Amino acid sequence: MTNPVIFKSSYFLRALNSDFNPFTPNILLVDEEHIEFKRRNWHLISEDTESLHFKNITGVTVDSHLFGTTITIKSTGNDPIQIRGFWKKEAAKIKDLCANYIAAYNQKNSNEALSSSLAKAMENRHGNYSVADELTKLKNLLDQKVLSPEEFEEQKRRLLKS
């Protein structure tokens, strides 16, 4: 796992949005698995933290203003997170970084689902159910006199060994 990328908001842009605390910027941490937003709460005593895993993020939008941007992170099951106080270039970097991680996470999940499906298919192919099906087919061929009893026994031994 790589170190998170840290973005800190600008005091000037926060002041334009009536956030006048100069000592505690809004902080956005982005790593391979999740995004975390930290901001000083309105009591000015502690920090509020919101964290979302990329598997739950459905989109990241950037609304550019004359000064700064509003970044909206949409997710399943949660209210959108709105982040203010970042310049347009920083917001574009955040959006691109999140888009890359979302795409990588979705690709990883697709690959895992595909490999899981293939493993199950191979397991069923060699598992008891498939052998039983093959034995039933062989028995039907024996009953129809397509196979001789010796050929049936030969095929049965081959199936039971695999």
C-alpha atoms as a PDB file:
ATOM      1  CA  MET A   1       0.000   0.000   0.000  1.00  0.00           C
ATOM      2  CA  THR A   2       1.331   3.427  -0.927  1.00  0.00           C
ATOM      3  CA  ASN A   3       1.388   6.500   1.252  1.00  0.00           C
ATOM      4  CA  PRO A   4      -1.740   8.659   1.042  1.00  0.00           C
ATOM      5  CA  VAL A   5      -1.717  11.853  -0.999  1.00  0.00           C
ATOM      6  CA  ILE A   6      -2.550  14.793   1.263  1.00  0.00           C
ATOM      7  CA  PHE A   7      -4.328  17.940   0.093  1.00  0.00           C
ATOM      8  CA  LYS A   8      -4.773  20.986   2.365  1.00  0.00           C
ATOM      9  CA  SER A   9      -7.319  23.716   1.719  1.00  0.00           C
ATOM     10  CA  SER A  10      -6.483  27.384   1.301  1.00  0.00           C
ATOM     11  CA  TYR A  11      -7.390  29.780   4.116  1.00  0.00           C
ATOM     12  CA  PHE A  12      -8.375  32.452   1.580  1.00  0.00           C
ATOM     13  CA  LEU A  13     -10.878  30.137  -0.124  1.00  0.00           C
ATOM     14  CA  ARG A  14     -12.234  28.898   3.215  1.00  0.00           C
ATOM     15  CA  ALA A  15     -12.695  32.508   4.388  1.00  0.00           C
ATOM     16  CA  LEU A  16     -14.792  33.188   1.296  1.00  0.00           C
ATOM     17  CA  ASN A  17     -17.069  30.372   2.548  1.00  0.00           C
ATOM     18  CA  SER A  18     -17.276  31.854   6.106  1.00  0.00           C
ATOM     19  CA  ASP A  19     -14.708  29.470   7.616  1.00  0.00           C
ATOM     20  CA  PHE A  20     -12.441  31.924   9.429  1.00  0.00           C
ATOM     21  CA  ASN A  21     -10.284  29.538  11.477  1.00  0.00           C
ATOM     22  CA  PRO A  22      -6.769  30.173  10.096  1.00  0.00           C
ATOM     23  CA  PHE A  23      -5.007  27.375  11.977  1.00  0.00           C
ATOM     24  CA  THR A  24      -6.856  24.264  10.851  1.00  0.00           C
ATOM     25  CA  PRO A  25      -7.196  23.701   7.113  1.00  0.00           C
ATOM     26  CA  ASN A  26      -9.537  21.144   5.646  1.00  0.00           C
ATOM     27  CA  ILE A  27      -7.492  18.069   4.841  1.00  0.00           C
ATOM     28  CA  LEU A  28      -8.233  15.479   2.188  1.00  0.00           C
ATOM     29  CA  LEU A  29      -6.293  12.182   2.309  1.00  0.00           C
ATOM     30  CA  VAL A  30      -6.494   9.925  -0.748  1.00  0.00           C
ATOM     31  CA  ASP A  31      -4.942   6.457  -0.863  1.00  0.00           C
ATOM     32  CA  GLU A  32      -5.552   3.324  -2.943  1.00  0.00           C
ATOM     33  CA  GLU A  33      -8.568   2.170  -0.937  1.00  0.00           C
ATOM     34  CA  HIS A  34     -10.357   5.189   0.483  1.00  0.00           C
ATOM     35  CA  ILE A  35     -10.727   8.924   0.690  1.00  0.00           C
ATOM     36  CA  GLU A  36     -10.839  10.731   4.027  1.00  0.00           C
ATOM     37  CA  PHE A  37     -11.986  14.302   4.652  1.00  0.00           C
ATOM     38  CA  LYS A  38     -11.030  16.073   7.903  1.00  0.00           C
ATOM     39  CA  ARG A  39     -12.311  19.463   8.985  1.00  0.00           C
ATOM     40  CA  ARG A  40     -12.537  21.418  12.227  1.00  0.00           C
ATOM     41  CA  ASN A  41     -16.077  21.169  13.590  1.00  0.00           C
ATOM     42  CA  TRP A  42     -18.115  24.267  14.341  1.00  0.00           C
ATOM     43  CA  HIS A  43     -17.277  24.043  18.067  1.00  0.00           C
ATOM     44  CA  LEU A  44     -13.598  24.550  17.113  1.00  0.00           C
ATOM     45  CA  ILE A  45     -12.658  21.899  19.667  1.00  0.00           C
ATOM     46  CA  SER A  46     -12.234  18.763  17.611  1.00  0.00           C
ATOM     47  CA  GLU A  47     -12.127  17.454  14.056  1.00  0.00           C
ATOM     48  CA  ASP A  48     -14.914  15.842  12.070  1.00  0.00           C
ATOM     49  CA  THR A  49     -13.751  13.042   9.798  1.00  0.00           C
ATOM     50  CA  GLU A  50     -15.606  11.427   6.938  1.00  0.00           C
ATOM     51  CA  SER A  51     -14.133   8.404   5.210  1.00  0.00           C
ATOM     52  CA  LEU A  52     -15.374   6.569   2.128  1.00  0.00           C
ATOM     53  CA  HIS A  53     -14.061   3.401   0.521  1.00  0.00           C
ATOM     54  CA  PHE A  54     -13.672   3.553  -3.261  1.00  0.00           C
ATOM     55  CA  LYS A  55     -15.978   0.542  -3.651  1.00  0.00           C
ATOM     56  CA  ASN A  56     -18.809   2.807  -2.387  1.00  0.00           C
ATOM     57  CA  ILE A  57     -17.930   5.954  -4.332  1.00  0.00           C
ATOM     58  CA  THR A  58     -20.135   6.480  -7.371  1.00  0.00           C
ATOM     59  CA  GLY A  59     -18.638   9.729  -8.602  1.00  0.00           C
ATOM     60  CA  VAL A  60     -16.543  12.804  -7.957  1.00  0.00           C
ATOM     61  CA  THR A  61     -17.608  16.147  -9.423  1.00  0.00           C
ATOM     62  CA  VAL A  62     -15.854  19.491  -9.382  1.00  0.00           C
ATOM     63  CA  ASP A  63     -17.851  22.712  -9.560  1.00  0.00           C
ATOM     64  CA  SER A  64     -15.512  25.613 -10.403  1.00  0.00           C
ATOM     65  CA  HIS A  65     -16.266  29.098  -9.109  1.00  0.00           C
ATOM     66  CA  LEU A  66     -14.644  32.440  -9.706  1.00  0.00           C
ATOM     67  CA  PHE A  67     -12.419  31.662  -6.720  1.00  0.00           C
ATOM     68  CA  GLY A  68     -11.904  27.998  -5.919  1.00  0.00           C
ATOM     69  CA  THR A  69     -14.111  24.964  -6.323  1.00  0.00           C
ATOM     70  CA  THR A  70     -16.647  22.769  -4.627  1.00  0.00           C
ATOM     71  CA  ILE A  71     -15.758  19.084  -4.804  1.00  0.00           C
ATOM     72  CA  THR A  72     -18.691  16.698  -4.358  1.00  0.00           C
ATOM     73  CA  ILE A  73     -18.034  13.040  -3.610  1.00  0.00           C
ATOM     74  CA  LYS A  74     -21.107  10.883  -4.179  1.00  0.00           C
ATOM     75  CA  SER A  75     -21.407   7.419  -2.693  1.00  0.00           C
ATOM     76  CA  THR A  76     -23.864   4.621  -2.143  1.00  0.00           C
ATOM     77  CA  GLY A  77     -25.639   4.691   1.187  1.00  0.00           C
ATOM     78  CA  ASN A  78     -24.223   8.035   2.366  1.00  0.00           C
ATOM     79  CA  ASP A  79     -24.995  11.685   1.786  1.00  0.00           C
ATOM     80  CA  PRO A  80     -22.605  13.358  -0.640  1.00  0.00           C
ATOM     81  CA  ILE A  81     -19.536  14.977   0.881  1.00  0.00           C
ATOM     82  CA  GLN A  82     -19.029  18.576  -0.216  1.00  0.00           C
ATOM     83  CA  ILE A  83     -15.532  19.969   0.130  1.00  0.00           C
ATOM     84  CA  ARG A  84     -14.664  23.634  -0.284  1.00  0.00           C
ATOM     85  CA  GLY A  85     -11.414  25.521  -0.061  1.00  0.00           C
ATOM     86  CA  PHE A  86      -9.336  24.034  -2.876  1.00  0.00           C
ATOM     87  CA  TRP A  87      -7.990  25.790  -5.936  1.00  0.00           C
ATOM     88  CA  LYS A  88      -9.032  24.591  -9.389  1.00  0.00           C
ATOM     89  CA  LYS A  89      -5.730  22.831 -10.168  1.00  0.00           C
ATOM     90  CA  GLU A  90      -5.793  20.949  -6.855  1.00  0.00           C
ATOM     91  CA  ALA A  91      -9.427  19.991  -7.410  1.00  0.00           C
ATOM     92  CA  ALA A  92      -8.589  18.651 -10.874  1.00  0.00           C
ATOM     93  CA  LYS A  93      -5.754  16.562  -9.369  1.00  0.00           C
ATOM     94  CA  ILE A  94      -8.099  15.220  -6.678  1.00  0.00           C
ATOM     95  CA  LYS A  95     -10.744  14.314  -9.262  1.00  0.00           C
ATOM     96  CA  ASP A  96      -8.223  12.575 -11.546  1.00  0.00           C
ATOM     97  CA  LEU A  97      -6.645  10.675  -8.651  1.00  0.00           C
ATOM     98  CA  CYS A  98     -10.036   9.509  -7.395  1.00  0.00           C
ATOM     99  CA  ALA A  99     -11.155   8.529 -10.909  1.00  0.00           C
ATOM    100  CA  ASN A 100      -7.999   6.418 -11.334  1.00  0.00           C
ATOM    101  CA  TYR A 101      -8.486   4.675  -7.982  1.00  0.00           C
ATOM    102  CA  ILE A 102     -12.191   4.064  -8.655  1.00  0.00           C
ATOM    103  CA  ALA A 103     -11.370   2.577 -12.072  1.00  0.00           C
ATOM    104  CA  ALA A 104      -8.555   0.443 -10.618  1.00  0.00           C
ATOM    105  CA  TYR A 105     -10.802  -0.791  -7.807  1.00  0.00           C
ATOM    106  CA  ASN A 106     -13.606  -1.669 -10.253  1.00  0.00           C
ATOM    107  CA  GLN A 107     -11.111  -3.467 -12.517  1.00  0.00           C
ATOM    108  CA  LYS A 108      -9.736  -5.375  -9.527  1.00  0.00           C
ATOM    109  CA  ASN A 109     -13.259  -6.417  -8.506  1.00  0.00           C
ATOM    110  CA  SER A 110     -14.076  -7.473 -12.071  1.00  0.00           C
ATOM    111  CA  ASN A 111     -10.914  -9.576 -12.265  1.00  0.00           C
ATOM    112  CA  GLU A 112     -11.625 -11.167  -8.873  1.00  0.00           C
ATOM    113  CA  ALA A 113     -15.208 -11.958  -9.883  1.00  0.00           C
ATOM    114  CA  LEU A 114     -14.029 -13.473 -13.169  1.00  0.00           C
ATOM    115  CA  SER A 115     -11.354 -15.600 -11.503  1.00  0.00           C
ATOM    116  CA  SER A 116     -13.849 -16.701  -8.836  1.00  0.00           C
ATOM    117  CA  SER A 117     -16.329 -17.732 -11.519  1.00  0.00           C
ATOM    118  CA  LEU A 118     -13.643 -19.622 -13.420  1.00  0.00           C
ATOM    119  CA  ALA A 119     -12.505 -21.379 -10.244  1.00  0.00           C
ATOM    120  CA  LYS A 120     -16.066 -22.441  -9.470  1.00  0.00           C
ATOM    121  CA  ALA A 121     -16.534 -23.673 -13.032  1.00  0.00           C
ATOM    122  CA  MET A 122     -13.329 -25.693 -12.874  1.00  0.00           C
ATOM    123  CA  GLU A 123     -14.284 -27.052  -9.443  1.00  0.00           C
ATOM    124  CA  ASN A 124     -17.665 -28.159 -10.736  1.00  0.00           C
ATOM    125  CA  ARG A 125     -16.046 -29.676 -13.773  1.00  0.00           C
ATOM    126  CA  HIS A 126     -13.859 -31.902 -11.615  1.00  0.00           C
ATOM    127  CA  GLY A 127     -16.127 -32.028  -8.558  1.00  0.00           C
ATOM    128  CA  ASN A 128     -18.502 -34.772  -7.476  1.00  0.00           C
ATOM    129  CA  TYR A 129     -21.486 -33.323  -9.285  1.00  0.00           C
ATOM    130  CA  SER A 130     -19.762 -33.344 -12.655  1.00  0.00           C
ATOM    131  CA  VAL A 131     -18.400 -36.882 -12.153  1.00  0.00           C
ATOM    132  CA  ALA A 132     -21.875 -38.071 -11.201  1.00  0.00           C
ATOM    133  CA  ASP A 133     -23.286 -36.459 -14.335  1.00  0.00           C
ATOM    134  CA  GLU A 134     -20.631 -38.118 -16.473  1.00  0.00           C
ATOM    135  CA  LEU A 135     -21.304 -41.506 -14.864  1.00  0.00           C
ATOM    136  CA  THR A 136     -25.015 -41.061 -15.558  1.00  0.00           C
ATOM    137  CA  LYS A 137     -24.247 -40.298 -19.190  1.00  0.00           C
ATOM    138  CA  LEU A 138     -21.981 -43.334 -19.437  1.00  0.00           C
ATOM    139  CA  LYS A 139     -24.663 -45.544 -17.843  1.00  0.00           C
ATOM    140  CA  ASN A 140     -27.192 -44.307 -20.407  1.00  0.00           C
ATOM    141  CA  LEU A 141     -24.757 -45.167 -23.212  1.00  0.00           C
ATOM    142  CA  LEU A 142     -24.283 -48.617 -21.692  1.00  0.00           C
ATOM    143  CA  ASP A 143     -28.063 -49.127 -21.479  1.00  0.00           C
ATOM    144  CA  GLN A 144     -28.428 -48.056 -25.111  1.00  0.00           C
ATOM    145  CA  LYS A 145     -25.689 -50.573 -25.969  1.00  0.00           C
ATOM    146  CA  VAL A 146     -23.474 -47.878 -27.454  1.00  0.00           C
ATOM    147  CA  LEU A 147     -20.738 -48.869 -24.982  1.00  0.00           C
ATOM    148  CA  SER A 148     -19.736 -52.379 -24.070  1.00  0.00           C
ATOM    149  CA  PRO A 149     -19.523 -53.305 -20.353  1.00  0.00           C
ATOM    150  CA  GLU A 150     -15.705 -53.286 -20.637  1.00  0.00           C
ATOM    151  CA  GLU A 151     -15.675 -49.786 -22.182  1.00  0.00           C
ATOM    152  CA  PHE A 152     -18.064 -48.594 -19.503  1.00  0.00           C
ATOM    153  CA  GLU A 153     -15.797 -49.911 -16.710  1.00  0.00           C
ATOM    154  CA  GLU A 154     -12.732 -48.381 -18.389  1.00  0.00           C
ATOM    155  CA  GLN A 155     -14.383 -44.944 -18.626  1.00  0.00           C
ATOM    156  CA  LYS A 156     -15.718 -45.235 -15.074  1.00  0.00           C
ATOM    157  CA  ARG A 157     -12.229 -45.947 -13.693  1.00  0.00           C
ATOM    158  CA  ARG A 158     -10.806 -42.997 -15.638  1.00  0.00           C
ATOM    159  CA  LEU A 159     -13.477 -40.639 -14.263  1.00  0.00           C
ATOM    160  CA  LEU A 160     -13.091 -41.776 -10.665  1.00  0.00           C
ATOM    161  CA  LYS A 161      -9.301 -41.301 -10.773  1.00  0.00           C
ATOM    162  CA  SER A 162      -9.506 -37.635 -11.921  1.00  0.00           C
END
